[in-house]
PDB file of N, CA and C in Angstrom:
ATOM      1  N   MET A   1       0.819  -1.175   0.000  1.00  0.00           N
ATOM      2  CA  MET A   1       0.000   0.000   0.000  1.00  0.00           C
ATOM      3  C   MET A   1       0.867   1.245   0.000  1.00  0.00           C
ATOM      4  N   SER A   2       0.361   2.270  -0.657  1.00  0.00           N
ATOM      5  CA  SER A   2       1.161   3.488  -0.721  1.00  0.00           C
ATOM      6  C   SER A   2       0.939   4.325   0.529  1.00  0.00           C
ATOM      7  N   ASP A   3       1.943   5.061   0.847  1.00  0.00           N
ATOM      8  CA  ASP A   3       1.914   5.924   2.023  1.00  0.00           C
ATOM      9  C   ASP A   3       1.220   7.234   1.647  1.00  0.00           C
ATOM     10  N   PRO A   4       0.120   7.653   2.355  1.00  0.00           N
ATOM     11  CA  PRO A   4      -0.575   8.896   2.005  1.00  0.00           C
ATOM     12  C   PRO A   4       0.296  10.136   2.122  1.00  0.00           C
ATOM     13  N   SER A   5       1.386  10.062   2.867  1.00  0.00           N
ATOM     14  CA  SER A   5       2.252  11.235   2.994  1.00  0.00           C
ATOM     15  C   SER A   5       3.020  11.492   1.707  1.00  0.00           C
ATOM     16  N   ASN A   6       3.103  10.487   0.810  1.00  0.00           N
ATOM     17  CA  ASN A   6       3.805  10.663  -0.464  1.00  0.00           C
ATOM     18  C   ASN A   6       2.945  11.383  -1.504  1.00  0.00           C
ATOM     19  N   ILE A   7       1.639  11.523  -1.246  1.00  0.00           N
ATOM     20  CA  ILE A   7       0.743  12.194  -2.190  1.00  0.00           C
ATOM     21  C   ILE A   7       0.960  13.704  -2.068  1.00  0.00           C
ATOM     22  N   PRO A   8       1.137  14.387  -3.192  1.00  0.00           N
ATOM     23  CA  PRO A   8       1.343  15.844  -3.125  1.00  0.00           C
ATOM     24  C   PRO A   8       0.174  16.532  -2.420  1.00  0.00           C
ATOM     25  N   PRO A   9       0.445  17.578  -1.632  1.00  0.00           N
ATOM     26  CA  PRO A   9      -0.606  18.244  -0.858  1.00  0.00           C
ATOM     27  C   PRO A   9      -1.718  18.834  -1.727  1.00  0.00           C
ATOM     28  N   ASN A  10      -1.374  19.411  -2.883  1.00  0.00           N
ATOM     29  CA  ASN A  10      -2.416  20.016  -3.710  1.00  0.00           C
ATOM     30  C   ASN A  10      -3.360  18.956  -4.276  1.00  0.00           C
ATOM     31  N   PHE A  11      -2.892  17.740  -4.497  1.00  0.00           N
ATOM     32  CA  PHE A  11      -3.746  16.663  -4.978  1.00  0.00           C
ATOM     33  C   PHE A  11      -4.586  16.097  -3.844  1.00  0.00           C
ATOM     34  N   ARG A  12      -4.000  16.015  -2.679  1.00  0.00           N
ATOM     35  CA  ARG A  12      -4.679  15.434  -1.530  1.00  0.00           C
ATOM     36  C   ARG A  12      -5.827  16.337  -1.065  1.00  0.00           C
ATOM     37  N   ASP A  13      -5.693  17.648  -1.184  1.00  0.00           N
ATOM     38  CA  ASP A  13      -6.703  18.582  -0.703  1.00  0.00           C
ATOM     39  C   ASP A  13      -7.776  18.903  -1.746  1.00  0.00           C
ATOM     40  N   SER A  14      -7.582  18.467  -2.979  1.00  0.00           N
ATOM     41  CA  SER A  14      -8.556  18.824  -4.017  1.00  0.00           C
ATOM     42  C   SER A  14      -9.823  17.986  -3.883  1.00  0.00           C
ATOM     43  N   ALA A  15     -10.883  18.474  -4.506  1.00  0.00           N
ATOM     44  CA  ALA A  15     -12.173  17.775  -4.463  1.00  0.00           C
ATOM     45  C   ALA A  15     -12.101  16.501  -5.290  1.00  0.00           C
ATOM     46  N   ASN A  16     -13.020  15.618  -5.041  1.00  0.00           N
ATOM     47  CA  ASN A  16     -13.098  14.367  -5.775  1.00  0.00           C
ATOM     48  C   ASN A  16     -13.417  14.670  -7.238  1.00  0.00           C
ATOM     49  N   PRO A  17     -12.550  14.301  -8.185  1.00  0.00           N
ATOM     50  CA  PRO A  17     -12.814  14.619  -9.590  1.00  0.00           C
ATOM     51  C   PRO A  17     -13.986  13.833 -10.171  1.00  0.00           C
ATOM     52  N   TYR A  18     -14.390  12.766  -9.501  1.00  0.00           N
ATOM     53  CA  TYR A  18     -15.487  11.941  -9.999  1.00  0.00           C
ATOM     54  C   TYR A  18     -16.835  12.316  -9.387  1.00  0.00           C
ATOM     55  N   GLN A  19     -16.826  13.246  -8.462  1.00  0.00           N
ATOM     56  CA  GLN A  19     -18.060  13.661  -7.806  1.00  0.00           C
ATOM     57  C   GLN A  19     -18.856  14.576  -8.736  1.00  0.00           C
ATOM     58  N   ALA A  20     -20.183  14.383  -8.762  1.00  0.00           N
ATOM     59  CA  ALA A  20     -21.049  15.232  -9.575  1.00  0.00           C
ATOM     60  C   ALA A  20     -21.003  16.667  -9.046  1.00  0.00           C
ATOM     61  N   PRO A  21     -21.174  17.645  -9.921  1.00  0.00           N
ATOM     62  CA  PRO A  21     -21.186  19.038  -9.452  1.00  0.00           C
ATOM     63  C   PRO A  21     -22.306  19.261  -8.443  1.00  0.00           C
ATOM     64  N   MET A  22     -22.021  20.077  -7.453  1.00  0.00           N
ATOM     65  CA  MET A  22     -23.009  20.372  -6.419  1.00  0.00           C
ATOM     66  C   MET A  22     -23.990  21.410  -6.951  1.00  0.00           C
ATOM     67  N   ASN A  23     -25.259  21.232  -6.615  1.00  0.00           N
ATOM     68  CA  ASN A  23     -26.281  22.204  -6.981  1.00  0.00           C
ATOM     69  C   ASN A  23     -26.144  23.398  -6.044  1.00  0.00           C
ATOM     70  N   GLU A  24     -26.012  24.567  -6.621  1.00  0.00           N
ATOM     71  CA  GLU A  24     -25.814  25.768  -5.813  1.00  0.00           C
ATOM     72  C   GLU A  24     -27.091  26.230  -5.131  1.00  0.00           C
ATOM     73  N   GLY A  25     -28.235  25.684  -5.535  1.00  0.00           N
ATOM     74  CA  GLY A  25     -29.482  26.011  -4.849  1.00  0.00           C
ATOM     75  C   GLY A  25     -30.205  27.192  -5.445  1.00  0.00           C
ATOM     76  N   VAL A  26     -30.672  28.066  -4.586  1.00  0.00           N
ATOM     77  CA  VAL A  26     -31.556  29.168  -4.962  1.00  0.00           C
ATOM     78  C   VAL A  26     -30.758  30.292  -5.609  1.00  0.00           C
ATOM     79  N   LEU A  27     -31.319  30.850  -6.664  1.00  0.00           N
ATOM     80  CA  LEU A  27     -30.712  32.014  -7.304  1.00  0.00           C
ATOM     81  C   LEU A  27     -30.938  33.254  -6.444  1.00  0.00           C
ATOM     82  N   PRO A  28     -30.097  34.267  -6.589  1.00  0.00           N
ATOM     83  CA  PRO A  28     -30.306  35.504  -5.827  1.00  0.00           C
ATOM     84  C   PRO A  28     -31.638  36.150  -6.171  1.00  0.00           C
ATOM     85  N   PRO A  29     -32.198  36.960  -5.267  1.00  0.00           N
ATOM     86  CA  PRO A  29     -33.489  37.609  -5.536  1.00  0.00           C
ATOM     87  C   PRO A  29     -33.430  38.470  -6.791  1.00  0.00           C
ATOM     88  N   GLY A  30     -34.465  38.380  -7.593  1.00  0.00           N
ATOM     89  CA  GLY A  30     -34.564  39.185  -8.799  1.00  0.00           C
ATOM     90  C   GLY A  30     -33.876  38.612 -10.015  1.00  0.00           C
ATOM     91  N   VAL A  31     -33.267  37.437  -9.894  1.00  0.00           N
ATOM     92  CA  VAL A  31     -32.568  36.828 -11.016  1.00  0.00           C
ATOM     93  C   VAL A  31     -33.324  35.583 -11.445  1.00  0.00           C
ATOM     94  N   SER A  32     -33.708  35.530 -12.709  1.00  0.00           N
ATOM     95  CA  SER A  32     -34.389  34.343 -13.220  1.00  0.00           C
ATOM     96  C   SER A  32     -33.394  33.539 -14.045  1.00  0.00           C
ATOM     97  N   PRO A  33     -33.652  32.251 -14.254  1.00  0.00           N
ATOM     98  CA  PRO A  33     -32.744  31.435 -15.054  1.00  0.00           C
ATOM     99  C   PRO A  33     -32.582  31.957 -16.479  1.00  0.00           C
ATOM    100  N   THR A  34     -33.565  32.635 -17.005  1.00  0.00           N
ATOM    101  CA  THR A  34     -33.478  33.161 -18.366  1.00  0.00           C
ATOM    102  C   THR A  34     -32.841  34.545 -18.406  1.00  0.00           C
ATOM    103  N   GLY A  35     -32.636  35.171 -17.269  1.00  0.00           N
ATOM    104  CA  GLY A  35     -32.055  36.498 -17.217  1.00  0.00           C
ATOM    105  C   GLY A  35     -33.071  37.621 -17.313  1.00  0.00           C
ATOM    106  N   ALA A  36     -34.341  37.293 -17.520  1.00  0.00           N
ATOM    107  CA  ALA A  36     -35.383  38.320 -17.627  1.00  0.00           C
ATOM    108  C   ALA A  36     -35.885  38.697 -16.236  1.00  0.00           C
ATOM    109  N   ASN A  37     -36.264  39.942 -16.071  1.00  0.00           N
ATOM    110  CA  ASN A  37     -36.826  40.396 -14.798  1.00  0.00           C
ATOM    111  C   ASN A  37     -38.340  40.414 -14.901  1.00  0.00           C
ATOM    112  N   PHE A  38     -38.986  39.691 -14.003  1.00  0.00           N
ATOM    113  CA  PHE A  38     -40.437  39.639 -13.954  1.00  0.00           C
ATOM    114  C   PHE A  38     -40.903  40.101 -12.587  1.00  0.00           C
ATOM    115  N   ALA A  39     -42.169  40.449 -12.504  1.00  0.00           N
ATOM    116  CA  ALA A  39     -42.771  40.835 -11.225  1.00  0.00           C
ATOM    117  C   ALA A  39     -42.741  39.637 -10.278  1.00  0.00           C
ATOM    118  N   PRO A  40     -42.693  39.887  -8.959  1.00  0.00           N
ATOM    119  CA  PRO A  40     -42.700  38.768  -8.012  1.00  0.00           C
ATOM    120  C   PRO A  40     -44.005  37.986  -8.072  1.00  0.00           C
ATOM    121  N   CYS A  41     -43.921  36.715  -7.749  1.00  0.00           N
ATOM    122  CA  CYS A  41     -45.092  35.838  -7.762  1.00  0.00           C
ATOM    123  C   CYS A  41     -46.103  36.310  -6.716  1.00  0.00           C
ATOM    124  N   PRO A  42     -47.391  36.410  -7.070  1.00  0.00           N
ATOM    125  CA  PRO A  42     -48.390  36.861  -6.099  1.00  0.00           C
ATOM    126  C   PRO A  42     -48.651  35.850  -4.980  1.00  0.00           C
ATOM    127  N   GLN A  43     -48.267  34.594  -5.164  1.00  0.00           N
ATOM    128  CA  GLN A  43     -48.512  33.590  -4.121  1.00  0.00           C
ATOM    129  C   GLN A  43     -47.348  33.456  -3.149  1.00  0.00           C
ATOM    130  N   CYS A  44     -46.113  33.325  -3.684  1.00  0.00           N
ATOM    131  CA  CYS A  44     -44.970  33.060  -2.792  1.00  0.00           C
ATOM    132  C   CYS A  44     -43.975  34.216  -2.722  1.00  0.00           C
ATOM    133  N   GLN A  45     -44.194  35.283  -3.486  1.00  0.00           N
ATOM    134  CA  GLN A  45     -43.359  36.495  -3.495  1.00  0.00           C
ATOM    135  C   GLN A  45     -41.937  36.269  -4.018  1.00  0.00           C
ATOM    136  N   GLN A  46     -41.663  35.131  -4.642  1.00  0.00           N
ATOM    137  CA  GLN A  46     -40.348  34.892  -5.241  1.00  0.00           C
ATOM    138  C   GLN A  46     -40.296  35.559  -6.611  1.00  0.00           C
ATOM    139  N   GLN A  47     -39.102  35.960  -7.035  1.00  0.00           N
ATOM    140  CA  GLN A  47     -38.972  36.662  -8.310  1.00  0.00           C
ATOM    141  C   GLN A  47     -38.409  35.788  -9.417  1.00  0.00           C
ATOM    142  N   VAL A  48     -38.175  34.536  -9.155  1.00  0.00           N
ATOM    143  CA  VAL A  48     -37.646  33.641 -10.176  1.00  0.00           C
ATOM    144  C   VAL A  48     -38.812  33.058 -10.960  1.00  0.00           C
ATOM    145  N   ALA A  49     -38.933  33.470 -12.222  1.00  0.00           N
ATOM    146  CA  ALA A  49     -40.033  33.006 -13.074  1.00  0.00           C
ATOM    147  C   ALA A  49     -39.504  32.752 -14.476  1.00  0.00           C
ATOM    148  N   ASN A  50     -40.178  31.867 -15.177  1.00  0.00           N
ATOM    149  CA  ASN A  50     -39.829  31.540 -16.557  1.00  0.00           C
ATOM    150  C   ASN A  50     -41.003  31.882 -17.462  1.00  0.00           C
ATOM    151  N   ALA A  51     -40.697  32.422 -18.626  1.00  0.00           N
ATOM    152  CA  ALA A  51     -41.747  32.753 -19.590  1.00  0.00           C
ATOM    153  C   ALA A  51     -42.397  31.470 -20.094  1.00  0.00           C
ATOM    154  N   VAL A  52     -43.719  31.477 -20.196  1.00  0.00           N
ATOM    155  CA  VAL A  52     -44.460  30.338 -20.742  1.00  0.00           C
ATOM    156  C   VAL A  52     -44.390  30.444 -22.263  1.00  0.00           C
ATOM    157  N   SER A  53     -43.964  29.370 -22.926  1.00  0.00           N
ATOM    158  CA  SER A  53     -43.799  29.428 -24.378  1.00  0.00           C
ATOM    159  C   SER A  53     -45.019  28.932 -25.144  1.00  0.00           C
ATOM    160  N   PHE A  54     -45.902  28.141 -24.504  1.00  0.00           N
ATOM    161  CA  PHE A  54     -47.083  27.611 -25.175  1.00  0.00           C
ATOM    162  C   PHE A  54     -48.173  27.370 -24.146  1.00  0.00           C
ATOM    163  N   SER A  55     -49.424  27.622 -24.532  1.00  0.00           N
ATOM    164  CA  SER A  55     -50.557  27.333 -23.652  1.00  0.00           C
ATOM    165  C   SER A  55     -51.726  26.839 -24.489  1.00  0.00           C
ATOM    166  N   TRP A  56     -52.654  26.149 -23.856  1.00  0.00           N
ATOM    167  CA  TRP A  56     -53.821  25.611 -24.567  1.00  0.00           C
ATOM    168  C   TRP A  56     -54.749  26.733 -25.027  1.00  0.00           C
ATOM    169  N   TRP A  57     -54.788  27.849 -24.333  1.00  0.00           N
ATOM    170  CA  TRP A  57     -55.709  28.930 -24.671  1.00  0.00           C
ATOM    171  C   TRP A  57     -55.138  29.896 -25.690  1.00  0.00           C
ATOM    172  N   GLY A  58     -53.832  29.981 -25.802  1.00  0.00           N
ATOM    173  CA  GLY A  58     -53.266  30.995 -26.680  1.00  0.00           C
ATOM    174  C   GLY A  58     -52.214  30.497 -27.641  1.00  0.00           C
ATOM    175  N   GLY A  59     -51.962  29.195 -27.619  1.00  0.00           N
ATOM    176  CA  GLY A  59     -50.940  28.658 -28.507  1.00  0.00           C
ATOM    177  C   GLY A  59     -49.580  29.252 -28.195  1.00  0.00           C
ATOM    178  N   VAL A  60     -48.896  29.721 -29.224  1.00  0.00           N
ATOM    179  CA  VAL A  60     -47.577  30.329 -29.054  1.00  0.00           C
ATOM    180  C   VAL A  60     -47.689  31.840 -28.871  1.00  0.00           C
ATOM    181  N   LEU A  61     -48.673  32.455 -29.504  1.00  0.00           N
ATOM    182  CA  LEU A  61     -48.791  33.916 -29.501  1.00  0.00           C
ATOM    183  C   LEU A  61     -49.369  34.482 -28.204  1.00  0.00           C
ATOM    184  N   GLY A  62     -50.386  33.847 -27.641  1.00  0.00           N
ATOM    185  CA  GLY A  62     -51.079  34.365 -26.461  1.00  0.00           C
ATOM    186  C   GLY A  62     -50.183  34.642 -25.257  1.00  0.00           C
ATOM    187  N   PRO A  63     -49.363  33.674 -24.826  1.00  0.00           N
ATOM    188  CA  PRO A  63     -48.505  33.927 -23.664  1.00  0.00           C
ATOM    189  C   PRO A  63     -47.505  35.061 -23.884  1.00  0.00           C
ATOM    190  N   LYS A  64     -47.057  35.231 -25.119  1.00  0.00           N
ATOM    191  CA  LYS A  64     -46.115  36.319 -25.405  1.00  0.00           C
ATOM    192  C   LYS A  64     -46.814  37.683 -25.349  1.00  0.00           C
ATOM    193  N   LEU A  65     -48.052  37.747 -25.848  1.00  0.00           N
ATOM    194  CA  LEU A  65     -48.800  39.011 -25.813  1.00  0.00           C
ATOM    195  C   LEU A  65     -49.105  39.447 -24.380  1.00  0.00           C
ATOM    196  N   LEU A  66     -49.386  38.488 -23.508  1.00  0.00           N
ATOM    197  CA  LEU A  66     -49.791  38.801 -22.135  1.00  0.00           C
ATOM    198  C   LEU A  66     -48.656  38.689 -21.120  1.00  0.00           C
ATOM    199  N   THR A  67     -47.430  38.429 -21.563  1.00  0.00           N
ATOM    200  CA  THR A  67     -46.283  38.217 -20.675  1.00  0.00           C
ATOM    201  C   THR A  67     -46.640  37.190 -19.598  1.00  0.00           C
ATOM    202  N   HIS A  68     -47.107  36.040 -20.031  1.00  0.00           N
ATOM    203  CA  HIS A  68     -47.537  34.963 -19.135  1.00  0.00           C
ATOM    204  C   HIS A  68     -46.292  34.222 -18.652  1.00  0.00           C
ATOM    205  N   VAL A  69     -46.077  34.172 -17.336  1.00  0.00           N
ATOM    206  CA  VAL A  69     -44.907  33.505 -16.764  1.00  0.00           C
ATOM    207  C   VAL A  69     -45.332  32.486 -15.713  1.00  0.00           C
ATOM    208  N   LYS A  70     -44.413  31.571 -15.418  1.00  0.00           N
ATOM    209  CA  LYS A  70     -44.654  30.539 -14.411  1.00  0.00           C
ATOM    210  C   LYS A  70     -43.587  30.669 -13.332  1.00  0.00           C
ATOM    211  N   CYS A  71     -44.021  30.733 -12.076  1.00  0.00           N
ATOM    212  CA  CYS A  71     -43.109  30.860 -10.943  1.00  0.00           C
ATOM    213  C   CYS A  71     -42.213  29.622 -10.859  1.00  0.00           C
ATOM    214  N   GLY A  72     -40.936  29.843 -10.616  1.00  0.00           N
ATOM    215  CA  GLY A  72     -39.991  28.747 -10.503  1.00  0.00           C
ATOM    216  C   GLY A  72     -40.062  28.012  -9.185  1.00  0.00           C
ATOM    217  N   PHE A  73     -40.742  28.562  -8.193  1.00  0.00           N
ATOM    218  CA  PHE A  73     -40.829  27.929  -6.875  1.00  0.00           C
ATOM    219  C   PHE A  73     -42.156  27.213  -6.669  1.00  0.00           C
ATOM    220  N   CYS A  74     -43.273  27.922  -6.854  1.00  0.00           N
ATOM    221  CA  CYS A  74     -44.583  27.316  -6.549  1.00  0.00           C
ATOM    222  C   CYS A  74     -45.344  26.882  -7.799  1.00  0.00           C
ATOM    223  N   GLY A  75     -44.912  27.304  -8.996  1.00  0.00           N
ATOM    224  CA  GLY A  75     -45.565  26.890 -10.232  1.00  0.00           C
ATOM    225  C   GLY A  75     -46.776  27.714 -10.627  1.00  0.00           C
ATOM    226  N   HIS A  76     -47.091  28.756  -9.862  1.00  0.00           N
ATOM    227  CA  HIS A  76     -48.242  29.617 -10.171  1.00  0.00           C
ATOM    228  C   HIS A  76     -47.960  30.392 -11.455  1.00  0.00           C
ATOM    229  N   LYS A  77     -48.966  30.520 -12.319  1.00  0.00           N
ATOM    230  CA  LYS A  77     -48.818  31.267 -13.566  1.00  0.00           C
ATOM    231  C   LYS A  77     -49.522  32.607 -13.430  1.00  0.00           C
ATOM    232  N   TYR A  78     -48.857  33.671 -13.889  1.00  0.00           N
ATOM    233  CA  TYR A  78     -49.376  35.026 -13.705  1.00  0.00           C
ATOM    234  C   TYR A  78     -48.783  35.961 -14.748  1.00  0.00           C
ATOM    235  N   ASN A  79     -49.198  37.228 -14.721  1.00  0.00           N
ATOM    236  CA  ASN A  79     -48.694  38.248 -15.630  1.00  0.00           C
ATOM    237  C   ASN A  79     -47.331  38.712 -15.130  1.00  0.00           C
ATOM    238  N   GLY A  80     -46.302  38.538 -15.948  1.00  0.00           N
ATOM    239  CA  GLY A  80     -44.943  38.878 -15.542  1.00  0.00           C
ATOM    240  C   GLY A  80     -44.668  40.364 -15.449  1.00  0.00           C
ATOM    241  N   LYS A  81     -45.490  41.202 -16.073  1.00  0.00           N
ATOM    242  CA  LYS A  81     -45.291  42.652 -15.995  1.00  0.00           C
ATOM    243  C   LYS A  81     -45.920  43.236 -14.739  1.00  0.00           C
ATOM    244  N   THR A  82     -47.153  42.828 -14.448  1.00  0.00           N
ATOM    245  CA  THR A  82     -47.896  43.431 -13.339  1.00  0.00           C
ATOM    246  C   THR A  82     -47.893  42.590 -12.074  1.00  0.00           C
ATOM    247  N   GLY A  83     -47.670  41.291 -12.205  1.00  0.00           N
ATOM    248  CA  GLY A  83     -47.768  40.398 -11.051  1.00  0.00           C
ATOM    249  C   GLY A  83     -49.193  39.964 -10.764  1.00  0.00           C
ATOM    250  N   GLY A  84     -50.134  40.419 -11.570  1.00  0.00           N
ATOM    251  CA  GLY A  84     -51.540  40.073 -11.371  1.00  0.00           C
ATOM    252  C   GLY A  84     -51.965  38.871 -12.196  1.00  0.00           C
ATOM    253  N   SER A  85     -53.249  38.617 -12.163  1.00  0.00           N
ATOM    254  CA  SER A  85     -53.825  37.494 -12.895  1.00  0.00           C
ATOM    255  C   SER A  85     -53.974  37.838 -14.374  1.00  0.00           C
ATOM    256  N   ASN A  86     -53.881  36.836 -15.213  1.00  0.00           N
ATOM    257  CA  ASN A  86     -54.096  37.015 -16.646  1.00  0.00           C
ATOM    258  C   ASN A  86     -55.486  36.569 -17.080  1.00  0.00           C
ATOM    259  N   THR A  87     -56.388  36.317 -16.132  1.00  0.00           N
ATOM    260  CA  THR A  87     -57.709  35.784 -16.458  1.00  0.00           C
ATOM    261  C   THR A  87     -58.488  36.708 -17.395  1.00  0.00           C
ATOM    262  N   LEU A  88     -58.523  37.995 -17.109  1.00  0.00           N
ATOM    263  CA  LEU A  88     -59.247  38.938 -17.967  1.00  0.00           C
ATOM    264  C   LEU A  88     -58.607  39.002 -19.353  1.00  0.00           C
ATOM    265  N   GLY A  89     -57.297  39.074 -19.406  1.00  0.00           N
ATOM    266  CA  GLY A  89     -56.598  39.110 -20.691  1.00  0.00           C
ATOM    267  C   GLY A  89     -56.835  37.859 -21.512  1.00  0.00           C
ATOM    268  N   ILE A  90     -56.849  36.701 -20.849  1.00  0.00           N
ATOM    269  CA  ILE A  90     -57.111  35.440 -21.549  1.00  0.00           C
ATOM    270  C   ILE A  90     -58.537  35.437 -22.091  1.00  0.00           C
ATOM    271  N   SER A  91     -59.487  35.917 -21.291  1.00  0.00           N
ATOM    272  CA  SER A  91     -60.888  35.964 -21.733  1.00  0.00           C
ATOM    273  C   SER A  91     -61.051  36.864 -22.952  1.00  0.00           C
ATOM    274  N   ILE A  92     -60.424  38.021 -22.927  1.00  0.00           N
ATOM    275  CA  ILE A  92     -60.497  38.942 -24.065  1.00  0.00           C
ATOM    276  C   ILE A  92     -59.833  38.314 -25.290  1.00  0.00           C
ATOM    277  N   TYR A  93     -58.684  37.700 -25.099  1.00  0.00           N
ATOM    278  CA  TYR A  93     -57.960  37.048 -26.192  1.00  0.00           C
ATOM    279  C   TYR A  93     -58.827  35.975 -26.848  1.00  0.00           C
ATOM    280  N   LEU A  94     -59.464  35.125 -26.032  1.00  0.00           N
ATOM    281  CA  LEU A  94     -60.329  34.069 -26.564  1.00  0.00           C
ATOM    282  C   LEU A  94     -61.580  34.651 -27.221  1.00  0.00           C
ATOM    283  N   GLY A  95     -62.174  35.685 -26.606  1.00  0.00           N
ATOM    284  CA  GLY A  95     -63.366  36.310 -27.172  1.00  0.00           C
ATOM    285  C   GLY A  95     -63.104  36.909 -28.536  1.00  0.00           C
ATOM    286  N   VAL A  96     -62.001  37.625 -28.673  1.00  0.00           N
ATOM    287  CA  VAL A  96     -61.645  38.224 -29.961  1.00  0.00           C
ATOM    288  C   VAL A  96     -61.413  37.123 -30.994  1.00  0.00           C
ATOM    289  N   GLY A  97     -60.770  36.047 -30.590  1.00  0.00           N
ATOM    290  CA  GLY A  97     -60.534  34.934 -31.510  1.00  0.00           C
ATOM    291  C   GLY A  97     -61.817  34.285 -31.985  1.00  0.00           C
ATOM    292  N   VAL A  98     -62.770  34.092 -31.075  1.00  0.00           N
ATOM    293  CA  VAL A  98     -64.062  33.490 -31.443  1.00  0.00           C
ATOM    294  C   VAL A  98     -64.834  34.421 -32.376  1.00  0.00           C
ATOM    295  N   ILE A  99     -64.879  35.701 -32.051  1.00  0.00           N
ATOM    296  CA  ILE A  99     -65.587  36.668 -32.910  1.00  0.00           C
ATOM    297  C   ILE A  99     -64.951  36.719 -34.298  1.00  0.00           C
ATOM    298  N   PHE A 100     -63.637  36.744 -34.347  1.00  0.00           N
ATOM    299  CA  PHE A 100     -62.936  36.743 -35.634  1.00  0.00           C
ATOM    300  C   PHE A 100     -63.265  35.474 -36.420  1.00  0.00           C
ATOM    301  N   GLY A 101     -63.289  34.336 -35.739  1.00  0.00           N
ATOM    302  CA  GLY A 101     -63.631  33.072 -36.396  1.00  0.00           C
ATOM    303  C   GLY A 101     -65.044  33.066 -36.947  1.00  0.00           C
ATOM    304  N   ILE A 102     -65.994  33.622 -36.205  1.00  0.00           N
ATOM    305  CA  ILE A 102     -67.385  33.700 -36.668  1.00  0.00           C
ATOM    306  C   ILE A 102     -67.491  34.599 -37.896  1.00  0.00           C
ATOM    307  N   ILE A 103     -66.813  35.739 -37.865  1.00  0.00           N
ATOM    308  CA  ILE A 103     -66.839  36.659 -39.013  1.00  0.00           C
ATOM    309  C   ILE A 103     -66.260  35.985 -40.254  1.00  0.00           C
ATOM    310  N   VAL A 104     -65.154  35.302 -40.108  1.00  0.00           N
ATOM    311  CA  VAL A 104     -64.540  34.606 -41.249  1.00  0.00           C
ATOM    312  C   VAL A 104     -65.470  33.515 -41.765  1.00  0.00           C
ATOM    313  N   ALA A 105     -66.107  32.758 -40.862  1.00  0.00           N
ATOM    314  CA  ALA A 105     -67.024  31.690 -41.272  1.00  0.00           C
ATOM    315  C   ALA A 105     -68.231  32.258 -42.013  1.00  0.00           C
ATOM    316  N   VAL A 106     -68.794  33.361 -41.526  1.00  0.00           N
ATOM    317  CA  VAL A 106     -69.952  33.980 -42.184  1.00  0.00           C
ATOM    318  C   VAL A 106     -69.560  34.477 -43.571  1.00  0.00           C
ATOM    319  N   MET A 107     -68.408  35.106 -43.689  1.00  0.00           N
ATOM    320  CA  MET A 107     -67.952  35.606 -44.990  1.00  0.00           C
ATOM    321  C   MET A 107     -67.678  34.452 -45.957  1.00  0.00           C
ATOM    322  N   PHE A 108     -67.176  33.364 -45.451  1.00  0.00           N
ATOM    323  CA  PHE A 108     -66.841  32.217 -46.295  1.00  0.00           C
ATOM    324  C   PHE A 108     -68.092  31.530 -46.835  1.00  0.00           C
ATOM    325  N   PHE A 109     -69.122  31.412 -46.011  1.00  0.00           N
ATOM    326  CA  PHE A 109     -70.325  30.687 -46.414  1.00  0.00           C
ATOM    327  C   PHE A 109     -71.390  31.575 -47.059  1.00  0.00           C
ATOM    328  N   MET A 110     -71.169  32.848 -47.224  1.00  0.00           N
ATOM    329  CA  MET A 110     -72.163  33.725 -47.862  1.00  0.00           C
ATOM    330  C   MET A 110     -71.853  33.910 -49.309  1.00  0.00           C
TER     331      MET A 110
END
């Protein structure tokens, strides 16, 4: 067996090269993984949020128009600019889409 005193000190004190990187945990306040600044979550008051890229109600365009984000801690979805609910905006978005669809259908079948 080799004597541990023969191992160079800088090698002996270094971290295990085979160990997986340690997770640093929580990001500092106001920093999101994407680098964008969003309003704090109305449920947990954390500022780490990610932009929603697709939703069932708005496809790809709707979440971008309403700045729809998802909290990185509790998962609550809200308006990233105001910190409020997007319920009214979603309703208006869907209403305009339905009205537009009806107008196009009427014009097509007349």
